[in-house]
Amino acid sequence: MNTARGGKAALAKRAWQLMFDYLMYTRPARDRSLESRGLTPNDARALSSLNRDEGRPIGKLARAWGCDPSNATFIIRRLEQGGLAERRTMPGDGRVKLVALTARGEKVRKELLAEFHEPPPELLALASSDLEALAEILKQLRPAK
């Protein structure tokens, strides 16, 4: 690609567009995984941000999910109805409810992540050297933990 035509910003925009388009193209497979379990994309996001050992307050979940507490409560209620999450009382402060995964929720989260992490056929068709280069590039984009 010629960087003189639009510069680095144009190249970054094109790369992002291609990544985004590919993620959207492969979305139906992820949607089928969710639908087979009666889950929505918001449910999956919620499952991925919860764990079994440590509960999180609803207010903090709402901020992390970019929604208001009533919407977070709605999502949590759906997970509870499916036996995937539970509310617990915070030790030392009975007014605060913590949300945690149940054993079933942890199992479903692991299953979903295993399915979501399976590479699509188009990716498997790439040469090993291309996959190595792609993996190295994508590693650079990961935020520091």
N, C-alpha and C. Protein backbone atom coordinates (compact mmCIF):
# COMPACT_ATOMS: atom_id res chain seq x y z
N MET A 1 0.83 -1.19 0.00
CA MET A 1 0.00 0.00 0.00
C MET A 1 0.87 1.24 0.00
N ASN A 2 0.42 2.25 -0.66
CA ASN A 2 1.18 3.49 -0.77
C ASN A 2 0.80 4.41 0.38
N THR A 3 1.76 4.67 1.27
CA THR A 3 1.49 5.53 2.42
C THR A 3 1.46 7.00 2.03
N ALA A 4 1.99 7.33 0.86
CA ALA A 4 2.00 8.73 0.42
C ALA A 4 0.60 9.22 0.10
N ARG A 5 -0.30 8.32 -0.25
CA ARG A 5 -1.66 8.71 -0.66
C ARG A 5 -2.53 9.22 0.48
N GLY A 6 -2.43 8.68 1.61
CA GLY A 6 -3.31 9.13 2.68
C GLY A 6 -2.63 9.10 4.02
N GLY A 7 -1.42 8.61 4.03
CA GLY A 7 -0.67 8.59 5.25
C GLY A 7 -1.08 7.46 6.18
N LYS A 8 -0.48 7.51 7.34
CA LYS A 8 -0.66 6.47 8.34
C LYS A 8 -2.11 6.39 8.81
N ALA A 9 -2.75 7.52 9.00
CA ALA A 9 -4.15 7.52 9.47
C ALA A 9 -5.06 6.81 8.48
N ALA A 10 -4.84 7.01 7.19
CA ALA A 10 -5.67 6.34 6.18
C ALA A 10 -5.43 4.84 6.19
N LEU A 11 -4.17 4.44 6.36
CA LEU A 11 -3.85 3.01 6.45
C LEU A 11 -4.49 2.38 7.68
N ALA A 12 -4.41 3.09 8.80
CA ALA A 12 -5.01 2.58 10.03
C ALA A 12 -6.52 2.45 9.87
N LYS A 13 -7.14 3.43 9.21
CA LYS A 13 -8.58 3.38 8.97
C LYS A 13 -8.94 2.18 8.11
N ARG A 14 -8.16 1.94 7.07
CA ARG A 14 -8.43 0.81 6.17
C ARG A 14 -8.25 -0.53 6.90
N ALA A 15 -7.19 -0.64 7.68
CA ALA A 15 -6.95 -1.86 8.45
C ALA A 15 -8.09 -2.11 9.43
N TRP A 16 -8.51 -1.05 10.11
CA TRP A 16 -9.61 -1.19 11.07
C TRP A 16 -10.90 -1.59 10.36
N GLN A 17 -11.15 -0.98 9.22
CA GLN A 17 -12.36 -1.31 8.45
C GLN A 17 -12.35 -2.80 8.07
N LEU A 18 -11.22 -3.29 7.61
CA LEU A 18 -11.11 -4.70 7.23
C LEU A 18 -11.31 -5.62 8.44
N MET A 19 -10.72 -5.27 9.59
CA MET A 19 -10.90 -6.09 10.80
C MET A 19 -12.36 -6.08 11.23
N PHE A 20 -12.96 -4.89 11.25
CA PHE A 20 -14.35 -4.76 11.67
C PHE A 20 -15.28 -5.53 10.73
N ASP A 21 -15.07 -5.36 9.43
CA ASP A 21 -15.90 -6.07 8.45
C ASP A 21 -15.79 -7.58 8.64
N TYR A 22 -14.60 -8.08 8.92
CA TYR A 22 -14.43 -9.51 9.12
C TYR A 22 -15.13 -9.98 10.39
N LEU A 23 -15.03 -9.19 11.44
CA LEU A 23 -15.73 -9.54 12.68
C LEU A 23 -17.24 -9.58 12.45
N MET A 24 -17.75 -8.65 11.68
CA MET A 24 -19.18 -8.64 11.38
C MET A 24 -19.56 -9.81 10.49
N TYR A 25 -18.71 -10.16 9.55
CA TYR A 25 -18.95 -11.28 8.65
C TYR A 25 -19.04 -12.60 9.42
N THR A 26 -18.21 -12.73 10.46
CA THR A 26 -18.18 -13.97 11.24
C THR A 26 -19.16 -13.96 12.41
N ARG A 27 -19.89 -12.88 12.57
CA ARG A 27 -20.82 -12.77 13.70
C ARG A 27 -21.91 -13.85 13.72
N PRO A 28 -22.46 -14.26 12.59
CA PRO A 28 -23.52 -15.28 12.64
C PRO A 28 -23.13 -16.55 13.41
N ALA A 29 -21.89 -16.96 13.32
CA ALA A 29 -21.45 -18.16 14.05
C ALA A 29 -21.53 -17.91 15.56
N ARG A 30 -21.11 -16.72 15.99
CA ARG A 30 -21.19 -16.39 17.42
C ARG A 30 -22.65 -16.28 17.85
N ASP A 31 -23.47 -15.68 16.99
CA ASP A 31 -24.90 -15.56 17.31
C ASP A 31 -25.54 -16.94 17.47
N ARG A 32 -25.18 -17.89 16.62
CA ARG A 32 -25.73 -19.24 16.74
C ARG A 32 -25.34 -19.89 18.07
N SER A 33 -24.11 -19.66 18.51
CA SER A 33 -23.67 -20.19 19.81
C SER A 33 -24.53 -19.63 20.93
N LEU A 34 -24.78 -18.33 20.84
CA LEU A 34 -25.60 -17.68 21.88
C LEU A 34 -27.04 -18.18 21.82
N GLU A 35 -27.60 -18.19 20.61
CA GLU A 35 -29.01 -18.58 20.45
C GLU A 35 -29.25 -20.01 20.92
N SER A 36 -28.28 -20.90 20.73
CA SER A 36 -28.46 -22.29 21.15
C SER A 36 -28.58 -22.40 22.67
N ARG A 37 -28.15 -21.36 23.37
CA ARG A 37 -28.21 -21.33 24.83
C ARG A 37 -29.25 -20.33 25.34
N GLY A 38 -29.98 -19.71 24.43
CA GLY A 38 -30.98 -18.73 24.83
C GLY A 38 -30.37 -17.44 25.37
N LEU A 39 -29.19 -17.09 24.88
CA LEU A 39 -28.48 -15.90 25.36
C LEU A 39 -28.42 -14.82 24.30
N THR A 40 -28.22 -13.59 24.75
CA THR A 40 -28.05 -12.44 23.88
C THR A 40 -26.58 -12.01 23.92
N PRO A 41 -26.15 -11.15 23.00
CA PRO A 41 -24.78 -10.62 23.08
C PRO A 41 -24.51 -9.91 24.42
N ASN A 42 -25.50 -9.20 24.96
CA ASN A 42 -25.31 -8.56 26.26
C ASN A 42 -25.13 -9.59 27.37
N ASP A 43 -25.85 -10.70 27.27
CA ASP A 43 -25.68 -11.77 28.26
C ASP A 43 -24.25 -12.31 28.20
N ALA A 44 -23.73 -12.50 26.99
CA ALA A 44 -22.37 -13.02 26.82
C ALA A 44 -21.35 -12.04 27.41
N ARG A 45 -21.56 -10.76 27.16
CA ARG A 45 -20.65 -9.75 27.72
C ARG A 45 -20.69 -9.79 29.24
N ALA A 46 -21.89 -9.95 29.78
CA ALA A 46 -22.03 -10.03 31.23
C ALA A 46 -21.33 -11.27 31.77
N LEU A 47 -21.54 -12.41 31.14
CA LEU A 47 -20.89 -13.64 31.58
C LEU A 47 -19.37 -13.50 31.58
N SER A 48 -18.86 -12.83 30.57
CA SER A 48 -17.40 -12.72 30.45
C SER A 48 -16.80 -11.79 31.51
N SER A 49 -17.62 -10.95 32.12
CA SER A 49 -17.08 -10.02 33.12
C SER A 49 -17.35 -10.46 34.55
N LEU A 50 -17.96 -11.63 34.71
CA LEU A 50 -18.24 -12.16 36.04
C LEU A 50 -17.39 -13.39 36.30
N ASN A 51 -17.21 -13.70 37.58
CA ASN A 51 -16.57 -14.97 37.91
C ASN A 51 -17.31 -15.61 39.08
N ARG A 52 -16.94 -16.79 39.41
CA ARG A 52 -17.67 -17.54 40.43
C ARG A 52 -17.25 -17.19 41.85
N ASP A 53 -15.98 -16.89 42.04
CA ASP A 53 -15.46 -16.68 43.38
C ASP A 53 -15.72 -15.29 43.94
N GLU A 54 -15.61 -14.31 43.08
CA GLU A 54 -15.70 -12.92 43.52
C GLU A 54 -16.90 -12.24 42.89
N GLY A 55 -17.83 -11.78 43.70
CA GLY A 55 -18.96 -11.05 43.17
C GLY A 55 -18.60 -9.60 42.89
N ARG A 56 -19.39 -8.99 42.01
CA ARG A 56 -19.19 -7.58 41.70
C ARG A 56 -20.48 -6.83 41.93
N PRO A 57 -20.41 -5.63 42.53
CA PRO A 57 -21.63 -4.84 42.74
C PRO A 57 -22.29 -4.44 41.43
N ILE A 58 -23.59 -4.37 41.44
CA ILE A 58 -24.36 -4.04 40.24
C ILE A 58 -23.96 -2.68 39.68
N GLY A 59 -23.74 -1.69 40.54
CA GLY A 59 -23.35 -0.37 40.07
C GLY A 59 -22.04 -0.39 39.30
N LYS A 60 -21.07 -1.14 39.79
CA LYS A 60 -19.79 -1.25 39.09
C LYS A 60 -19.96 -2.00 37.77
N LEU A 61 -20.81 -3.02 37.76
CA LEU A 61 -21.07 -3.74 36.52
C LEU A 61 -21.70 -2.81 35.49
N ALA A 62 -22.66 -2.01 35.94
CA ALA A 62 -23.33 -1.08 35.02
C ALA A 62 -22.31 -0.12 34.39
N ARG A 63 -21.41 0.40 35.19
CA ARG A 63 -20.38 1.30 34.65
C ARG A 63 -19.48 0.56 33.66
N ALA A 64 -19.08 -0.65 34.00
CA ALA A 64 -18.21 -1.43 33.11
C ALA A 64 -18.93 -1.78 31.81
N TRP A 65 -20.24 -1.99 31.86
CA TRP A 65 -21.01 -2.36 30.68
C TRP A 65 -21.52 -1.15 29.92
N GLY A 66 -21.31 0.05 30.47
CA GLY A 66 -21.74 1.27 29.79
C GLY A 66 -23.26 1.42 29.75
N CYS A 67 -23.91 1.02 30.83
CA CYS A 67 -25.37 1.14 30.88
C CYS A 67 -25.79 1.64 32.25
N ASP A 68 -27.07 1.92 32.41
CA ASP A 68 -27.54 2.36 33.72
C ASP A 68 -27.81 1.14 34.59
N PRO A 69 -27.85 1.32 35.92
CA PRO A 69 -28.05 0.18 36.83
C PRO A 69 -29.33 -0.61 36.57
N SER A 70 -30.40 0.06 36.11
CA SER A 70 -31.64 -0.68 35.85
C SER A 70 -31.46 -1.65 34.68
N ASN A 71 -30.70 -1.25 33.67
CA ASN A 71 -30.42 -2.14 32.54
C ASN A 71 -29.52 -3.30 33.00
N ALA A 72 -28.53 -2.99 33.82
CA ALA A 72 -27.66 -4.05 34.35
C ALA A 72 -28.49 -5.04 35.17
N THR A 73 -29.43 -4.53 35.95
CA THR A 73 -30.30 -5.39 36.75
C THR A 73 -31.12 -6.30 35.85
N PHE A 74 -31.61 -5.77 34.73
CA PHE A 74 -32.37 -6.56 33.77
C PHE A 74 -31.52 -7.71 33.22
N ILE A 75 -30.28 -7.40 32.84
CA ILE A 75 -29.37 -8.42 32.31
C ILE A 75 -29.09 -9.47 33.38
N ILE A 76 -28.81 -9.02 34.58
CA ILE A 76 -28.51 -9.94 35.68
C ILE A 76 -29.72 -10.84 35.98
N ARG A 77 -30.90 -10.25 35.93
CA ARG A 77 -32.11 -11.04 36.17
C ARG A 77 -32.24 -12.15 35.12
N ARG A 78 -31.94 -11.83 33.87
CA ARG A 78 -31.99 -12.86 32.81
C ARG A 78 -31.00 -13.99 33.12
N LEU A 79 -29.80 -13.63 33.55
CA LEU A 79 -28.80 -14.64 33.87
C LEU A 79 -29.23 -15.47 35.08
N GLU A 80 -29.84 -14.81 36.06
CA GLU A 80 -30.34 -15.54 37.23
C GLU A 80 -31.43 -16.53 36.83
N GLN A 81 -32.34 -16.10 35.98
CA GLN A 81 -33.43 -16.97 35.53
C GLN A 81 -32.91 -18.20 34.80
N GLY A 82 -31.78 -18.05 34.14
CA GLY A 82 -31.16 -19.18 33.44
C GLY A 82 -30.24 -19.99 34.33
N GLY A 83 -30.14 -19.62 35.61
CA GLY A 83 -29.27 -20.34 36.53
C GLY A 83 -27.79 -20.08 36.31
N LEU A 84 -27.47 -18.96 35.65
CA LEU A 84 -26.09 -18.66 35.30
C LEU A 84 -25.39 -17.72 36.29
N ALA A 85 -26.18 -16.93 37.02
CA ALA A 85 -25.61 -15.97 37.96
C ALA A 85 -26.49 -15.92 39.21
N GLU A 86 -25.90 -15.38 40.26
CA GLU A 86 -26.65 -15.23 41.51
C GLU A 86 -26.21 -13.94 42.20
N ARG A 87 -27.12 -13.41 42.99
CA ARG A 87 -26.78 -12.24 43.81
C ARG A 87 -26.44 -12.73 45.20
N ARG A 88 -25.41 -12.12 45.75
CA ARG A 88 -24.96 -12.44 47.10
C ARG A 88 -24.90 -11.15 47.90
N THR A 89 -25.04 -11.29 49.19
CA THR A 89 -24.89 -10.13 50.07
C THR A 89 -23.41 -9.88 50.31
N MET A 90 -23.04 -8.61 50.25
CA MET A 90 -21.64 -8.25 50.49
C MET A 90 -21.32 -8.44 51.97
N PRO A 91 -20.25 -9.18 52.27
CA PRO A 91 -19.88 -9.33 53.68
C PRO A 91 -19.61 -7.97 54.31
N GLY A 92 -20.23 -7.72 55.42
CA GLY A 92 -20.02 -6.47 56.14
C GLY A 92 -20.98 -5.36 55.72
N ASP A 93 -21.71 -5.52 54.64
CA ASP A 93 -22.66 -4.50 54.21
C ASP A 93 -23.81 -5.18 53.47
N GLY A 94 -24.83 -5.54 54.20
CA GLY A 94 -25.97 -6.27 53.65
C GLY A 94 -26.77 -5.48 52.62
N ARG A 95 -26.53 -4.18 52.52
CA ARG A 95 -27.26 -3.37 51.54
C ARG A 95 -26.74 -3.57 50.13
N VAL A 96 -25.49 -3.98 50.01
CA VAL A 96 -24.86 -4.12 48.70
C VAL A 96 -24.98 -5.56 48.22
N LYS A 97 -25.49 -5.70 47.00
CA LYS A 97 -25.61 -7.02 46.39
C LYS A 97 -24.48 -7.22 45.39
N LEU A 98 -23.83 -8.35 45.52
CA LEU A 98 -22.77 -8.73 44.59
C LEU A 98 -23.31 -9.77 43.62
N VAL A 99 -22.86 -9.70 42.39
CA VAL A 99 -23.30 -10.65 41.38
C VAL A 99 -22.11 -11.55 41.04
N ALA A 100 -22.37 -12.85 41.03
CA ALA A 100 -21.33 -13.83 40.72
C ALA A 100 -21.91 -14.93 39.84
N LEU A 101 -21.04 -15.61 39.15
CA LEU A 101 -21.48 -16.75 38.34
C LEU A 101 -21.80 -17.94 39.23
N THR A 102 -22.75 -18.73 38.80
CA THR A 102 -23.00 -20.02 39.43
C THR A 102 -22.07 -21.03 38.76
N ALA A 103 -22.08 -22.26 39.25
CA ALA A 103 -21.27 -23.31 38.60
C ALA A 103 -21.72 -23.48 37.15
N ARG A 104 -23.02 -23.43 36.93
CA ARG A 104 -23.54 -23.55 35.55
C ARG A 104 -23.10 -22.37 34.70
N GLY A 105 -23.14 -21.16 35.26
CA GLY A 105 -22.70 -19.97 34.53
C GLY A 105 -21.24 -20.04 34.14
N GLU A 106 -20.42 -20.56 35.04
CA GLU A 106 -19.00 -20.71 34.75
C GLU A 106 -18.80 -21.71 33.61
N LYS A 107 -19.55 -22.79 33.63
CA LYS A 107 -19.47 -23.82 32.58
C LYS A 107 -19.90 -23.24 31.23
N VAL A 108 -21.00 -22.51 31.21
CA VAL A 108 -21.49 -21.92 29.96
C VAL A 108 -20.50 -20.89 29.43
N ARG A 109 -19.93 -20.07 30.32
CA ARG A 109 -18.94 -19.08 29.89
C ARG A 109 -17.74 -19.78 29.24
N LYS A 110 -17.25 -20.86 29.85
CA LYS A 110 -16.12 -21.59 29.28
C LYS A 110 -16.47 -22.19 27.92
N GLU A 111 -17.68 -22.74 27.80
CA GLU A 111 -18.11 -23.30 26.52
C GLU A 111 -18.18 -22.22 25.44
N LEU A 112 -18.77 -21.08 25.79
CA LEU A 112 -18.88 -19.99 24.82
C LEU A 112 -17.51 -19.51 24.36
N LEU A 113 -16.62 -19.29 25.32
CA LEU A 113 -15.28 -18.81 24.96
C LEU A 113 -14.56 -19.82 24.09
N ALA A 114 -14.72 -21.11 24.39
CA ALA A 114 -14.09 -22.14 23.56
C ALA A 114 -14.63 -22.06 22.14
N GLU A 115 -15.94 -21.89 21.98
CA GLU A 115 -16.52 -21.77 20.64
C GLU A 115 -16.09 -20.48 19.95
N PHE A 116 -16.11 -19.36 20.69
CA PHE A 116 -15.73 -18.08 20.10
C PHE A 116 -14.26 -18.06 19.69
N HIS A 117 -13.42 -18.82 20.38
CA HIS A 117 -11.99 -18.83 20.08
C HIS A 117 -11.62 -19.82 18.98
N GLU A 118 -12.57 -20.58 18.47
CA GLU A 118 -12.30 -21.47 17.34
C GLU A 118 -12.13 -20.61 16.09
N PRO A 119 -11.01 -20.77 15.39
CA PRO A 119 -10.79 -19.92 14.21
C PRO A 119 -11.74 -20.27 13.06
N PRO A 120 -12.24 -19.24 12.38
CA PRO A 120 -13.08 -19.49 11.21
C PRO A 120 -12.26 -20.09 10.07
N PRO A 121 -12.94 -20.74 9.13
CA PRO A 121 -12.22 -21.42 8.02
C PRO A 121 -11.29 -20.50 7.24
N GLU A 122 -11.69 -19.26 7.03
CA GLU A 122 -10.86 -18.33 6.25
C GLU A 122 -9.52 -18.08 6.94
N LEU A 123 -9.53 -18.05 8.24
CA LEU A 123 -8.30 -17.83 8.99
C LEU A 123 -7.41 -19.08 8.91
N LEU A 124 -8.03 -20.24 9.02
CA LEU A 124 -7.29 -21.49 8.93
C LEU A 124 -6.67 -21.68 7.55
N ALA A 125 -7.23 -21.03 6.54
CA ALA A 125 -6.72 -21.17 5.18
C ALA A 125 -5.46 -20.34 4.93
N LEU A 126 -5.14 -19.41 5.84
CA LEU A 126 -3.94 -18.59 5.66
C LEU A 126 -2.68 -19.42 5.87
N ALA A 127 -1.61 -18.99 5.26
CA ALA A 127 -0.32 -19.64 5.45
C ALA A 127 0.14 -19.43 6.89
N SER A 128 0.92 -20.39 7.39
CA SER A 128 1.42 -20.29 8.77
C SER A 128 2.20 -19.00 8.99
N SER A 129 3.00 -18.59 8.01
CA SER A 129 3.79 -17.36 8.17
C SER A 129 2.87 -16.14 8.28
N ASP A 130 1.78 -16.13 7.54
CA ASP A 130 0.82 -15.03 7.63
C ASP A 130 0.12 -15.03 9.00
N LEU A 131 -0.22 -16.22 9.48
CA LEU A 131 -0.86 -16.31 10.80
C LEU A 131 0.09 -15.84 11.90
N GLU A 132 1.36 -16.20 11.79
CA GLU A 132 2.34 -15.75 12.78
C GLU A 132 2.46 -14.23 12.75
N ALA A 133 2.53 -13.64 11.57
CA ALA A 133 2.63 -12.18 11.45
C ALA A 133 1.37 -11.51 12.01
N LEU A 134 0.21 -12.06 11.67
CA LEU A 134 -1.04 -11.50 12.18
C LEU A 134 -1.11 -11.58 13.70
N ALA A 135 -0.72 -12.72 14.26
CA ALA A 135 -0.75 -12.89 15.71
C ALA A 135 0.19 -11.88 16.39
N GLU A 136 1.36 -11.68 15.83
CA GLU A 136 2.31 -10.72 16.41
C GLU A 136 1.75 -9.29 16.36
N ILE A 137 1.14 -8.94 15.25
CA ILE A 137 0.55 -7.60 15.12
C ILE A 137 -0.59 -7.42 16.13
N LEU A 138 -1.47 -8.39 16.20
CA LEU A 138 -2.62 -8.27 17.11
C LEU A 138 -2.17 -8.24 18.57
N LYS A 139 -1.08 -8.94 18.89
CA LYS A 139 -0.55 -8.90 20.26
C LYS A 139 -0.16 -7.48 20.66
N GLN A 140 0.32 -6.72 19.70
CA GLN A 140 0.73 -5.33 19.97
C GLN A 140 -0.48 -4.44 20.30
N LEU A 141 -1.66 -4.85 19.88
CA LEU A 141 -2.86 -4.04 20.10
C LEU A 141 -3.52 -4.30 21.45
N ARG A 142 -3.13 -5.35 22.12
CA ARG A 142 -3.74 -5.69 23.41
C ARG A 142 -3.38 -4.65 24.45
N PRO A 143 -4.36 -4.21 25.21
CA PRO A 143 -4.05 -3.26 26.28
C PRO A 143 -3.26 -3.95 27.39
N ALA A 144 -2.39 -3.20 28.02
CA ALA A 144 -1.63 -3.73 29.15
C ALA A 144 -2.59 -3.98 30.31
N LYS A 145 -2.39 -5.08 31.02
CA LYS A 145 -3.27 -5.40 32.15
C LYS A 145 -2.72 -4.88 33.44
